[in-house]
Amino acid sequence: MSKKVLVFAEGREGRVRNVSLEALTVAKKVAGGGEIVATVFGTQTDSFVESLAHHGADKVYVVNSPSLDQYIADIYKEAFMQVVEQVKPDVILLGHTPNGRDVAPKIAQALDIGMVSDNIAVDVLEDKIVFTRPIYAGKAFVKKIFNDGTILATIRPNNIPMGEPDESRTAEKVDISYTPSGNALRVQIKDVIRKASKGVDLSEAKIVVSGGRGSKSKEGFEKLYELADILNAAVGASRSACDEGYADYSLQVGQTGKVVTPDLYIAFGISGAIQHLAGMSNAKVIVAVNKDAEAPIFQVSDYGIVGDMYEVLPLLMEEFKKLLSESA
C-alpha cells in the first residue's frame, strides 16, 4: 500500500543537511510508490529545492518567511502544521537534530499521535514500517511499529546511507505564505551570538577525532585539530575534557552531549565512561589511545593503542600523511 511521506528538511550554511537527504532515502523505502514531499523554511531556501528533488522529493513546499530564518520552536511548529494540513501525510520524518528533536514532540502533541525518535534503521515488513532505535545507552535495540494513524519519526544522522542523487529529477515547488500568530510569538530572538567553530560539523562528520582528560590541558587538546585537518575530520570531546576547560561544551560527545555515528572514531585519552560510550559506541570503527590498558574504552574499540597520546599522535599523523599522499 503506497503512502504519502512528508520530510521536514533542514539547511545549514547554504545547503541541505545530510540527515534530511538520508530521511528522503527512508521516505523512498516506506512510500511504496507513493508521493514524497519535503518542506523547507526561511527566505534563503529556494536553492534547496533542486537538491531535495535529486534525492527523491516529488514536491517541495517552501515556507518563505523572515520569521523562519532563525529557529523558534513555536513558530516552526505552527508553520509545519500549516504544511501538514495541506499535504495530509501518512508518514512524517525529521532528522534527529537539535531542531528536529525539539519540534517533533510539539508536532506529535498537535496531531495527538505518538512518535518514535532517534531511529538508526527503518524497514518495511509486509504492510508495517519497522523502526529500530537504541536503548540503554546503545547496549540494546528495540523495534517499534505503528498500528494505525499518522506515523511520526526522527532519524539519527549518519546511520542510513544517503542515496545517490538523480540529477535528472525535478520537483514541483509550492510556495506557502506564513505569518506567525500572536501565540507563536511568545518567544522572540533579539540577537544570535555564534561561537566560532573549526573544521567539519561534528554531527555529520564521517571521521571524528576526540579527546578526553588525558589531553592534560587546553593546549594539548588543540593538537587534535592537527590530526583532524589531515583527515578532514571533526573534533569531539568527552564530558571530563569539557569540564576541565580543555574544550567547549559544543564539542561534547556522550549521553548529555552529541550522539555521533561516524565511519571512524579516534579517541585520545578517553577512559570510556558509560556516558561517553552512549554517544559514540555505534561508530563503524573505533580506535582508542590510552595509557591505561584496563580503560573501558578498549572493550568497545576495534583497535587499541596503549600509550601516551603525545607520543602516539605524532606517529599517527605521520603515517596518515604517508597513506594519503600515496593514494592521491
C-alpha atoms as a PDB file:
ATOM      1  CA  MET A   1       0.000   0.000   0.000  1.00  0.00           C
ATOM      2  CA  SER A   2       1.502   3.325  -1.057  1.00  0.00           C
ATOM      3  CA  LYS A   3       1.920   6.117   1.463  1.00  0.00           C
ATOM      4  CA  LYS A   4       2.378   9.864   1.253  1.00  0.00           C
ATOM      5  CA  VAL A   5       5.543  10.842   3.130  1.00  0.00           C
ATOM      6  CA  LEU A   6       6.443  14.345   4.367  1.00  0.00           C
ATOM      7  CA  VAL A   7      10.078  15.161   5.217  1.00  0.00           C
ATOM      8  CA  PHE A   8      10.984  18.132   7.421  1.00  0.00           C
ATOM      9  CA  ALA A   9      14.159  19.332   5.662  1.00  0.00           C
ATOM     10  CA  GLU A  10      16.791  21.473   7.344  1.00  0.00           C
ATOM     11  CA  GLY A  11      19.538  23.602   5.868  1.00  0.00           C
ATOM     12  CA  ARG A  12      22.941  24.572   7.141  1.00  0.00           C
ATOM     13  CA  GLU A  13      25.397  27.050   5.628  1.00  0.00           C
ATOM     14  CA  GLY A  14      23.550  27.257   2.328  1.00  0.00           C
ATOM     15  CA  ARG A  15      22.941  23.540   1.737  1.00  0.00           C
ATOM     16  CA  VAL A  16      20.504  20.853   2.787  1.00  0.00           C
ATOM     17  CA  ARG A  17      21.725  18.943   5.814  1.00  0.00           C
ATOM     18  CA  ASN A  18      22.823  15.379   5.088  1.00  0.00           C
ATOM     19  CA  VAL A  19      20.362  13.928   7.578  1.00  0.00           C
ATOM     20  CA  SER A  20      17.464  15.453   5.612  1.00  0.00           C
ATOM     21  CA  LEU A  21      18.725  13.716   2.472  1.00  0.00           C
ATOM     22  CA  GLU A  22      19.072  10.495   4.483  1.00  0.00           C
ATOM     23  CA  ALA A  23      15.443  10.958   5.576  1.00  0.00           C
ATOM     24  CA  LEU A  24      14.494  11.126   1.885  1.00  0.00           C
ATOM     25  CA  THR A  25      16.181   7.741   1.413  1.00  0.00           C
ATOM     26  CA  VAL A  26      13.921   6.390   4.167  1.00  0.00           C
ATOM     27  CA  ALA A  27      10.949   8.111   2.544  1.00  0.00           C
ATOM     28  CA  LYS A  28      11.567   6.289  -0.746  1.00  0.00           C
ATOM     29  CA  LYS A  29      11.692   2.971   1.121  1.00  0.00           C
ATOM     30  CA  VAL A  30       8.463   3.458   3.069  1.00  0.00           C
ATOM     31  CA  ALA A  31       6.413   5.327   0.448  1.00  0.00           C
ATOM     32  CA  GLY A  32       5.869   2.180  -1.629  1.00  0.00           C
ATOM     33  CA  GLY A  33       5.485   4.240  -4.778  1.00  0.00           C
ATOM     34  CA  GLY A  34       3.510   6.991  -3.055  1.00  0.00           C
ATOM     35  CA  GLU A  35       4.255  10.712  -3.167  1.00  0.00           C
ATOM     36  CA  ILE A  36       7.291  12.108  -1.340  1.00  0.00           C
ATOM     37  CA  VAL A  37       7.001  15.700  -0.157  1.00  0.00           C
ATOM     38  CA  ALA A  38       9.687  17.832   1.503  1.00  0.00           C
ATOM     39  CA  THR A  39       9.332  21.194   3.167  1.00  0.00           C
ATOM     40  CA  VAL A  40      11.907  23.897   3.886  1.00  0.00           C
ATOM     41  CA  PHE A  41      11.636  27.106   5.876  1.00  0.00           C
ATOM     42  CA  GLY A  42      13.022  30.637   5.617  1.00  0.00           C
ATOM     43  CA  THR A  43      13.997  33.183   2.987  1.00  0.00           C
ATOM     44  CA  GLN A  44      17.251  31.536   1.864  1.00  0.00           C
ATOM     45  CA  THR A  45      15.983  28.085   0.908  1.00  0.00           C
ATOM     46  CA  ASP A  46      14.909  28.317  -2.748  1.00  0.00           C
ATOM     47  CA  SER A  47      18.208  26.732  -3.794  1.00  0.00           C
ATOM     48  CA  PHE A  48      17.396  23.660  -1.678  1.00  0.00           C
ATOM     49  CA  VAL A  49      14.582  22.553  -3.991  1.00  0.00           C
ATOM     50  CA  GLU A  50      16.925  21.118  -6.625  1.00  0.00           C
ATOM     51  CA  SER A  51      18.930  19.075  -4.107  1.00  0.00           C
ATOM     52  CA  LEU A  52      15.772  17.694  -2.494  1.00  0.00           C
ATOM     53  CA  ALA A  53      14.404  16.753  -5.927  1.00  0.00           C
ATOM     54  CA  HIS A  54      17.634  14.956  -6.860  1.00  0.00           C
ATOM     55  CA  HIS A  55      17.343  12.851  -3.696  1.00  0.00           C
ATOM     56  CA  GLY A  56      13.734  11.802  -4.181  1.00  0.00           C
ATOM     57  CA  ALA A  57      11.293  14.611  -3.393  1.00  0.00           C
ATOM     58  CA  ASP A  58       8.356  14.823  -5.817  1.00  0.00           C
ATOM     59  CA  LYS A  59       7.108  18.089  -4.374  1.00  0.00           C
ATOM     60  CA  VAL A  60       8.771  20.738  -2.189  1.00  0.00           C
ATOM     61  CA  TYR A  61       6.832  23.186  -0.042  1.00  0.00           C
ATOM     62  CA  VAL A  62       8.810  26.378   0.551  1.00  0.00           C
ATOM     63  CA  VAL A  63       7.544  28.351   3.525  1.00  0.00           C
ATOM     64  CA  ASN A  64       9.166  31.683   2.758  1.00  0.00           C
ATOM     65  CA  SER A  65       9.010  33.967   5.781  1.00  0.00           C
ATOM     66  CA  PRO A  66      11.641  36.096   7.582  1.00  0.00           C
ATOM     67  CA  SER A  67      10.218  34.820  10.869  1.00  0.00           C
ATOM     68  CA  LEU A  68      11.618  31.380   9.971  1.00  0.00           C
ATOM     69  CA  ASP A  69      15.202  32.452   9.316  1.00  0.00           C
ATOM     70  CA  GLN A  70      16.020  31.702  12.964  1.00  0.00           C
ATOM     71  CA  TYR A  71      14.702  28.570  14.599  1.00  0.00           C
ATOM     72  CA  ILE A  72      11.995  29.203  17.206  1.00  0.00           C
ATOM     73  CA  ALA A  73      10.090  26.083  18.205  1.00  0.00           C
ATOM     74  CA  ASP A  74       6.573  27.545  18.369  1.00  0.00           C
ATOM     75  CA  ILE A  75       6.916  29.319  15.017  1.00  0.00           C
ATOM     76  CA  TYR A  76       8.396  26.294  13.249  1.00  0.00           C
ATOM     77  CA  LYS A  77       5.705  24.032  14.673  1.00  0.00           C
ATOM     78  CA  GLU A  78       2.944  26.374  13.532  1.00  0.00           C
ATOM     79  CA  ALA A  79       4.439  26.750  10.036  1.00  0.00           C
ATOM     80  CA  PHE A  80       4.974  22.998   9.697  1.00  0.00           C
ATOM     81  CA  MET A  81       1.428  22.258  10.807  1.00  0.00           C
ATOM     82  CA  GLN A  82       0.237  24.536   8.015  1.00  0.00           C
ATOM     83  CA  VAL A  83       2.063  22.255   5.551  1.00  0.00           C
ATOM     84  CA  VAL A  84       0.723  19.107   7.261  1.00  0.00           C
ATOM     85  CA  GLU A  85      -2.850  20.371   6.844  1.00  0.00           C
ATOM     86  CA  GLN A  86      -2.306  20.779   3.095  1.00  0.00           C
ATOM     87  CA  VAL A  87      -0.297  17.597   2.470  1.00  0.00           C
ATOM     88  CA  LYS A  88      -2.188  15.246   4.831  1.00  0.00           C
ATOM     89  CA  PRO A  89       0.763  12.803   5.048  1.00  0.00           C
ATOM     90  CA  ASP A  90       0.677   9.214   6.208  1.00  0.00           C
ATOM     91  CA  VAL A  91       4.294   9.414   7.427  1.00  0.00           C
ATOM     92  CA  ILE A  92       6.288  12.388   8.785  1.00  0.00           C
ATOM     93  CA  LEU A  93      10.086  12.160   9.020  1.00  0.00           C
ATOM     94  CA  LEU A  94      12.552  14.553  10.662  1.00  0.00           C
ATOM     95  CA  GLY A  95      16.273  14.437  11.337  1.00  0.00           C
ATOM     96  CA  HIS A  96      17.220  13.719  14.945  1.00  0.00           C
ATOM     97  CA  THR A  97      18.990  17.082  15.137  1.00  0.00           C
ATOM     98  CA  PRO A  98      18.684  19.694  17.893  1.00  0.00           C
ATOM     99  CA  ASN A  99      15.852  21.352  15.952  1.00  0.00           C
ATOM    100  CA  GLY A 100      14.233  18.086  14.896  1.00  0.00           C
ATOM    101  CA  ARG A 101      14.109  16.536  18.329  1.00  0.00           C
ATOM    102  CA  ASP A 102      12.814  19.823  19.764  1.00  0.00           C
ATOM    103  CA  VAL A 103       9.956  20.361  17.331  1.00  0.00           C
ATOM    104  CA  ALA A 104       8.928  16.720  16.726  1.00  0.00           C
ATOM    105  CA  PRO A 105       7.189  16.236  20.122  1.00  0.00           C
ATOM    106  CA  LYS A 106       5.308  19.512  19.571  1.00  0.00           C
ATOM    107  CA  ILE A 107       4.067  18.229  16.217  1.00  0.00           C
ATOM    108  CA  ALA A 108       3.083  14.915  17.799  1.00  0.00           C
ATOM    109  CA  GLN A 109       1.138  16.751  20.501  1.00  0.00           C
ATOM    110  CA  ALA A 110      -0.602  18.979  17.936  1.00  0.00           C
ATOM    111  CA  LEU A 111      -1.648  15.924  15.889  1.00  0.00           C
ATOM    112  CA  ASP A 112      -2.424  13.854  19.006  1.00  0.00           C
ATOM    113  CA  ILE A 113      -0.239  10.985  17.801  1.00  0.00           C
ATOM    114  CA  GLY A 114       2.732   9.021  19.102  1.00  0.00           C
ATOM    115  CA  MET A 115       6.285   9.241  17.804  1.00  0.00           C
ATOM    116  CA  VAL A 116       9.436   7.141  17.757  1.00  0.00           C
ATOM    117  CA  SER A 117      12.711   9.037  17.964  1.00  0.00           C
ATOM    118  CA  ASP A 118      16.409   8.522  17.256  1.00  0.00           C
ATOM    119  CA  ASN A 119      15.993   5.696  14.749  1.00  0.00           C
ATOM    120  CA  ILE A 120      19.082   4.063  13.275  1.00  0.00           C
ATOM    121  CA  ALA A 121      17.266   1.743  10.827  1.00  0.00           C
ATOM    122  CA  VAL A 122      13.903   1.637   9.087  1.00  0.00           C
ATOM    123  CA  ASP A 123      12.489  -1.440   7.338  1.00  0.00           C
ATOM    124  CA  VAL A 124       9.212  -2.423   5.727  1.00  0.00           C
ATOM    125  CA  LEU A 125       7.722  -5.767   6.779  1.00  0.00           C
ATOM    126  CA  GLU A 126       4.597  -6.643   4.812  1.00  0.00           C
ATOM    127  CA  ASP A 127       2.409  -3.560   5.329  1.00  0.00           C
ATOM    128  CA  LYS A 128       4.155  -2.352   8.507  1.00  0.00           C
ATOM    129  CA  ILE A 129       7.053   0.093   8.880  1.00  0.00           C
ATOM    130  CA  VAL A 130       9.545  -1.157  11.470  1.00  0.00           C
ATOM    131  CA  PHE A 131      11.731   1.392  13.257  1.00  0.00           C
ATOM    132  CA  THR A 132      14.883   0.372  15.146  1.00  0.00           C
ATOM    133  CA  ARG A 133      16.308   2.585  17.882  1.00  0.00           C
ATOM    134  CA  PRO A 134      18.996   2.080  20.556  1.00  0.00           C
ATOM    135  CA  ILE A 135      18.145   1.909  24.260  1.00  0.00           C
ATOM    136  CA  TYR A 136      20.172   1.585  27.480  1.00  0.00           C
ATOM    137  CA  ALA A 137      22.957   3.817  26.152  1.00  0.00           C
ATOM    138  CA  GLY A 138      23.288   1.749  22.992  1.00  0.00           C
ATOM    139  CA  LYS A 139      23.588  -1.621  24.777  1.00  0.00           C
ATOM    140  CA  ALA A 140      20.353  -2.930  23.251  1.00  0.00           C
ATOM    141  CA  PHE A 141      17.985  -2.156  20.404  1.00  0.00           C
ATOM    142  CA  VAL A 142      14.215  -2.073  20.224  1.00  0.00           C
ATOM    143  CA  LYS A 143      11.927  -2.336  17.196  1.00  0.00           C
ATOM    144  CA  LYS A 144       8.771  -0.231  17.034  1.00  0.00           C
ATOM    145  CA  ILE A 145       5.745  -0.235  14.742  1.00  0.00           C
ATOM    146  CA  PHE A 146       2.635   1.931  14.472  1.00  0.00           C
ATOM    147  CA  ASN A 147      -0.633   0.008  14.348  1.00  0.00           C
ATOM    148  CA  ASP A 148      -2.673   2.902  12.946  1.00  0.00           C
ATOM    149  CA  GLY A 149      -2.750   6.644  12.403  1.00  0.00           C
ATOM    150  CA  THR A 150      -0.105   9.045  11.159  1.00  0.00           C
ATOM    151  CA  ILE A 151       3.478   7.882  11.664  1.00  0.00           C
ATOM    152  CA  LEU A 152       6.000  10.366  13.091  1.00  0.00           C
ATOM    153  CA  ALA A 153       9.694   9.528  13.475  1.00  0.00           C
ATOM    154  CA  THR A 154      13.138  11.120  13.716  1.00  0.00           C
ATOM    155  CA  ILE A 155      16.231   9.689  12.006  1.00  0.00           C
ATOM    156  CA  ARG A 156      19.679   9.678  13.636  1.00  0.00           C
ATOM    157  CA  PRO A 157      22.321  11.245  11.346  1.00  0.00           C
ATOM    158  CA  ASN A 158      24.936   9.057   9.619  1.00  0.00           C
ATOM    159  CA  ASN A 159      23.106   5.754  10.118  1.00  0.00           C
ATOM    160  CA  ILE A 160      21.080   5.339   6.946  1.00  0.00           C
ATOM    161  CA  PRO A 161      23.172   5.729   3.775  1.00  0.00           C
ATOM    162  CA  MET A 162      22.196   8.686   1.635  1.00  0.00           C
ATOM    163  CA  GLY A 163      21.032   7.592  -1.811  1.00  0.00           C
ATOM    164  CA  GLU A 164      22.902   8.647  -4.939  1.00  0.00           C
ATOM    165  CA  PRO A 165      21.374  11.830  -6.408  1.00  0.00           C
ATOM    166  CA  ASP A 166      19.478  11.584  -9.683  1.00  0.00           C
ATOM    167  CA  GLU A 167      20.189  14.906 -11.372  1.00  0.00           C
ATOM    168  CA  SER A 168      17.517  14.277 -13.976  1.00  0.00           C
ATOM    169  CA  ARG A 169      14.759  14.515 -11.346  1.00  0.00           C
ATOM    170  CA  THR A 170      12.758  17.692 -10.798  1.00  0.00           C
ATOM    171  CA  ALA A 171      10.188  18.544  -8.150  1.00  0.00           C
ATOM    172  CA  GLU A 172       7.117  20.699  -8.131  1.00  0.00           C
ATOM    173  CA  LYS A 173       7.731  23.780  -5.989  1.00  0.00           C
ATOM    174  CA  VAL A 174       4.851  25.056  -3.869  1.00  0.00           C
ATOM    175  CA  ASP A 175       5.270  28.443  -2.171  1.00  0.00           C
ATOM    176  CA  ILE A 176       3.413  28.982   1.081  1.00  0.00           C
ATOM    177  CA  SER A 177       2.991  32.304   2.831  1.00  0.00           C
ATOM    178  CA  TYR A 178       3.156  32.268   6.593  1.00  0.00           C
ATOM    179  CA  THR A 179       2.609  34.902   9.262  1.00  0.00           C
ATOM    180  CA  PRO A 180       3.122  33.770  12.853  1.00  0.00           C
ATOM    181  CA  SER A 181       0.189  34.111  15.205  1.00  0.00           C
ATOM    182  CA  GLY A 182       0.452  36.045  18.424  1.00  0.00           C
ATOM    183  CA  ASN A 183       0.599  32.775  20.347  1.00  0.00           C
ATOM    184  CA  ALA A 184       3.651  31.627  18.352  1.00  0.00           C
ATOM    185  CA  LEU A 185       5.434  34.900  19.092  1.00  0.00           C
ATOM    186  CA  ARG A 186       5.689  34.289  22.826  1.00  0.00           C
ATOM    187  CA  VAL A 187       9.448  33.845  22.336  1.00  0.00           C
ATOM    188  CA  GLN A 188      11.480  36.214  20.198  1.00  0.00           C
ATOM    189  CA  ILE A 189      15.181  36.134  19.335  1.00  0.00           C
ATOM    190  CA  LYS A 190      16.805  39.514  19.811  1.00  0.00           C
ATOM    191  CA  ASP A 191      20.364  38.554  18.945  1.00  0.00           C
ATOM    192  CA  VAL A 192      22.374  35.493  17.949  1.00  0.00           C
ATOM    193  CA  ILE A 193      25.980  35.086  19.076  1.00  0.00           C
ATOM    194  CA  ARG A 194      27.666  32.220  17.286  1.00  0.00           C
ATOM    195  CA  LYS A 195      30.773  30.578  18.666  1.00  0.00           C
ATOM    196  CA  ALA A 196      33.484  30.174  16.093  1.00  0.00           C
ATOM    197  CA  SER A 197      33.831  26.535  15.159  1.00  0.00           C
ATOM    198  CA  LYS A 198      36.724  24.881  13.421  1.00  0.00           C
ATOM    199  CA  GLY A 199      36.544  22.355  10.635  1.00  0.00           C
ATOM    200  CA  VAL A 200      33.824  19.804   9.915  1.00  0.00           C
ATOM    201  CA  ASP A 201      30.387  19.731  11.560  1.00  0.00           C
ATOM    202  CA  LEU A 202      30.589  17.175  14.381  1.00  0.00           C
ATOM    203  CA  SER A 203      27.067  15.794  13.978  1.00  0.00           C
ATOM    204  CA  GLU A 204      27.550  14.885  10.294  1.00  0.00           C
ATOM    205  CA  ALA A 205      31.270  14.048  10.208  1.00  0.00           C
ATOM    206  CA  LYS A 206      32.444  10.770   8.696  1.00  0.00           C
ATOM    207  CA  ILE A 207      35.585  10.870  10.868  1.00  0.00           C
ATOM    208  CA  VAL A 208      35.765  12.189  14.445  1.00  0.00           C
ATOM    209  CA  VAL A 209      38.949  12.791  16.442  1.00  0.00           C
ATOM    210  CA  SER A 210      38.046  13.086  20.112  1.00  0.00           C
ATOM    211  CA  GLY A 211      39.982  13.981  23.245  1.00  0.00           C
ATOM    212  CA  GLY A 212      39.454  13.413  26.941  1.00  0.00           C
ATOM    213  CA  ARG A 213      41.046  14.278  30.259  1.00  0.00           C
ATOM    214  CA  GLY A 214      44.235  12.638  29.012  1.00  0.00           C
ATOM    215  CA  SER A 215      44.759  15.735  26.857  1.00  0.00           C
ATOM    216  CA  LYS A 216      46.015  17.314  30.128  1.00  0.00           C
ATOM    217  CA  SER A 217      45.478  20.923  29.013  1.00  0.00           C
ATOM    218  CA  LYS A 218      43.675  23.172  26.557  1.00  0.00           C
ATOM    219  CA  GLU A 219      46.922  23.485  24.611  1.00  0.00           C
ATOM    220  CA  GLY A 220      47.252  19.709  24.497  1.00  0.00           C
ATOM    221  CA  PHE A 221      43.699  19.339  23.254  1.00  0.00           C
ATOM    222  CA  GLU A 222      44.402  21.808  20.432  1.00  0.00           C
ATOM    223  CA  LYS A 223      46.899  19.321  18.970  1.00  0.00           C
ATOM    224  CA  LEU A 224      43.972  17.103  17.990  1.00  0.00           C
ATOM    225  CA  TYR A 225      42.993  19.695  15.393  1.00  0.00           C
ATOM    226  CA  GLU A 226      46.220  18.968  13.516  1.00  0.00           C
ATOM    227  CA  LEU A 227      45.189  15.347  13.010  1.00  0.00           C
ATOM    228  CA  ALA A 228      41.623  16.426  12.224  1.00  0.00           C
ATOM    229  CA  ASP A 229      42.910  18.723   9.480  1.00  0.00           C
ATOM    230  CA  ILE A 230      44.890  15.862   7.918  1.00  0.00           C
ATOM    231  CA  LEU A 231      41.847  13.547   7.925  1.00  0.00           C
ATOM    232  CA  ASN A 232      39.234  16.217   7.147  1.00  0.00           C
ATOM    233  CA  ALA A 233      37.642  15.189  10.425  1.00  0.00           C
ATOM    234  CA  ALA A 234      35.577  16.846  13.139  1.00  0.00           C
ATOM    235  CA  VAL A 235      36.870  17.248  16.686  1.00  0.00           C
ATOM    236  CA  GLY A 236      34.905  15.966  19.662  1.00  0.00           C
ATOM    237  CA  ALA A 237      35.476  15.811  23.410  1.00  0.00           C
ATOM    238  CA  SER A 238      34.485  13.843  26.475  1.00  0.00           C
ATOM    239  CA  ARG A 239      32.490  15.435  29.293  1.00  0.00           C
ATOM    240  CA  SER A 240      35.567  15.494  31.525  1.00  0.00           C
ATOM    241  CA  ALA A 241      37.593  17.372  28.879  1.00  0.00           C
ATOM    242  CA  CYS A 242      34.836  19.966  28.691  1.00  0.00           C
ATOM    243  CA  ASP A 243      34.541  20.187  32.490  1.00  0.00           C
ATOM    244  CA  GLU A 244      38.295  20.776  32.725  1.00  0.00           C
ATOM    245  CA  GLY A 245      38.006  23.636  30.217  1.00  0.00           C
ATOM    246  CA  TYR A 246      40.069  21.907  27.530  1.00  0.00           C
ATOM    247  CA  ALA A 247      37.202  22.100  25.004  1.00  0.00           C
ATOM    248  CA  ASP A 248      33.902  23.888  24.563  1.00  0.00           C
ATOM    249  CA  TYR A 249      30.739  22.017  25.566  1.00  0.00           C
ATOM    250  CA  SER A 250      29.531  22.278  21.962  1.00  0.00           C
ATOM    251  CA  LEU A 251      32.097  19.539  21.193  1.00  0.00           C
ATOM    252  CA  GLN A 252      30.897  17.152  23.892  1.00  0.00           C
ATOM    253  CA  VAL A 253      30.119  13.629  22.713  1.00  0.00           C
ATOM    254  CA  GLY A 254      28.023  11.489  25.032  1.00  0.00           C
ATOM    255  CA  GLN A 255      24.686  10.940  26.696  1.00  0.00           C
ATOM    256  CA  THR A 256      24.405  14.605  27.688  1.00  0.00           C
ATOM    257  CA  GLY A 257      26.153  15.861  24.548  1.00  0.00           C
ATOM    258  CA  LYS A 258      26.044  14.916  20.882  1.00  0.00           C
ATOM    259  CA  VAL A 259      25.458  11.391  19.605  1.00  0.00           C
ATOM    260  CA  VAL A 260      27.706  10.671  16.625  1.00  0.00           C
ATOM    261  CA  THR A 261      27.925   7.697  14.277  1.00  0.00           C
ATOM    262  CA  PRO A 262      30.977   8.295  12.084  1.00  0.00           C
ATOM    263  CA  ASP A 263      32.762   5.760   9.902  1.00  0.00           C
ATOM    264  CA  LEU A 264      35.860   6.243  12.097  1.00  0.00           C
ATOM    265  CA  TYR A 265      36.083   7.467  15.703  1.00  0.00           C
ATOM    266  CA  ILE A 266      39.551   8.009  17.191  1.00  0.00           C
ATOM    267  CA  ALA A 267      39.589   8.550  20.969  1.00  0.00           C
ATOM    268  CA  PHE A 268      42.670  10.038  22.648  1.00  0.00           C
ATOM    269  CA  GLY A 269      42.943   9.978  26.428  1.00  0.00           C
ATOM    270  CA  ILE A 270      39.302   8.982  26.940  1.00  0.00           C
ATOM    271  CA  SER A 271      38.710   6.317  29.583  1.00  0.00           C
ATOM    272  CA  GLY A 272      35.318   5.288  28.208  1.00  0.00           C
ATOM    273  CA  ALA A 273      32.743   6.121  30.884  1.00  0.00           C
ATOM    274  CA  ILE A 274      29.277   4.815  30.049  1.00  0.00           C
ATOM    275  CA  GLN A 275      28.012   8.361  29.443  1.00  0.00           C
ATOM    276  CA  HIS A 276      30.617   8.875  26.715  1.00  0.00           C
ATOM    277  CA  LEU A 277      30.109   5.441  25.152  1.00  0.00           C
ATOM    278  CA  ALA A 278      26.402   6.239  24.755  1.00  0.00           C
ATOM    279  CA  GLY A 279      27.374   8.962  22.300  1.00  0.00           C
ATOM    280  CA  MET A 280      29.822   7.078  20.074  1.00  0.00           C
ATOM    281  CA  SER A 281      29.640   3.309  20.576  1.00  0.00           C
ATOM    282  CA  ASN A 282      27.752   2.846  17.297  1.00  0.00           C
ATOM    283  CA  ALA A 283      30.621   4.270  15.234  1.00  0.00           C
ATOM    284  CA  LYS A 284      31.569   1.837  12.481  1.00  0.00           C
ATOM    285  CA  VAL A 285      35.260   1.661  13.511  1.00  0.00           C
ATOM    286  CA  ILE A 286      36.606   2.801  16.907  1.00  0.00           C
ATOM    287  CA  VAL A 287      40.294   3.402  17.606  1.00  0.00           C
ATOM    288  CA  ALA A 288      41.316   4.088  21.219  1.00  0.00           C
ATOM    289  CA  VAL A 289      44.602   5.527  22.504  1.00  0.00           C
ATOM    290  CA  ASN A 290      45.050   5.413  26.284  1.00  0.00           C
ATOM    291  CA  LYS A 291      47.872   4.863  28.789  1.00  0.00           C
ATOM    292  CA  ASP A 292      45.666   2.610  30.920  1.00  0.00           C
ATOM    293  CA  ALA A 293      45.457  -0.860  29.374  1.00  0.00           C
ATOM    294  CA  GLU A 294      42.374  -1.545  31.538  1.00  0.00           C
ATOM    295  CA  ALA A 295      40.437   1.512  30.338  1.00  0.00           C
ATOM    296  CA  PRO A 296      36.798   0.615  29.494  1.00  0.00           C
ATOM    297  CA  ILE A 297      37.130   2.251  26.064  1.00  0.00           C
ATOM    298  CA  PHE A 298      39.185  -0.753  24.912  1.00  0.00           C
ATOM    299  CA  GLN A 299      36.165  -3.011  25.458  1.00  0.00           C
ATOM    300  CA  VAL A 300      34.264  -1.301  22.630  1.00  0.00           C
ATOM    301  CA  SER A 301      37.182  -0.358  20.380  1.00  0.00           C
ATOM    302  CA  ASP A 302      38.098  -2.219  17.202  1.00  0.00           C
ATOM    303  CA  TYR A 303      41.742  -1.161  17.546  1.00  0.00           C
ATOM    304  CA  GLY A 304      43.544  -0.157  20.722  1.00  0.00           C
ATOM    305  CA  ILE A 305      46.895   1.510  21.335  1.00  0.00           C
ATOM    306  CA  VAL A 306      48.254   1.516  24.887  1.00  0.00           C
ATOM    307  CA  GLY A 307      50.460   4.571  25.198  1.00  0.00           C
ATOM    308  CA  ASP A 308      50.713   8.280  25.868  1.00  0.00           C
ATOM    309  CA  MET A 309      48.676  10.260  23.332  1.00  0.00           C
ATOM    310  CA  TYR A 310      51.519  12.781  22.946  1.00  0.00           C
ATOM    311  CA  GLU A 311      53.814  10.008  21.773  1.00  0.00           C
ATOM    312  CA  VAL A 312      51.216   8.251  19.622  1.00  0.00           C
ATOM    313  CA  LEU A 313      49.647  11.330  17.997  1.00  0.00           C
ATOM    314  CA  PRO A 314      52.725  12.465  16.015  1.00  0.00           C
ATOM    315  CA  LEU A 315      53.295   8.909  14.775  1.00  0.00           C
ATOM    316  CA  LEU A 316      49.719   8.590  13.610  1.00  0.00           C
ATOM    317  CA  MET A 317      49.845  11.958  11.865  1.00  0.00           C
ATOM    318  CA  GLU A 318      52.997  10.947  10.012  1.00  0.00           C
ATOM    319  CA  GLU A 319      51.504   7.626   8.916  1.00  0.00           C
ATOM    320  CA  PHE A 320      48.222   9.183   7.797  1.00  0.00           C
ATOM    321  CA  LYS A 321      50.134  11.781   5.769  1.00  0.00           C
ATOM    322  CA  LYS A 322      52.066   8.988   4.028  1.00  0.00           C
ATOM    323  CA  LEU A 323      48.945   6.960   3.288  1.00  0.00           C
ATOM    324  CA  LEU A 324      47.018   9.949   1.956  1.00  0.00           C
ATOM    325  CA  SER A 325      49.929  11.089  -0.229  1.00  0.00           C
ATOM    326  CA  GLU A 326      50.260   7.572  -1.692  1.00  0.00           C
ATOM    327  CA  SER A 327      46.560   7.408  -2.513  1.00  0.00           C
ATOM    328  CA  ALA A 328      46.448  10.919  -4.012  1.00  0.00           C
END
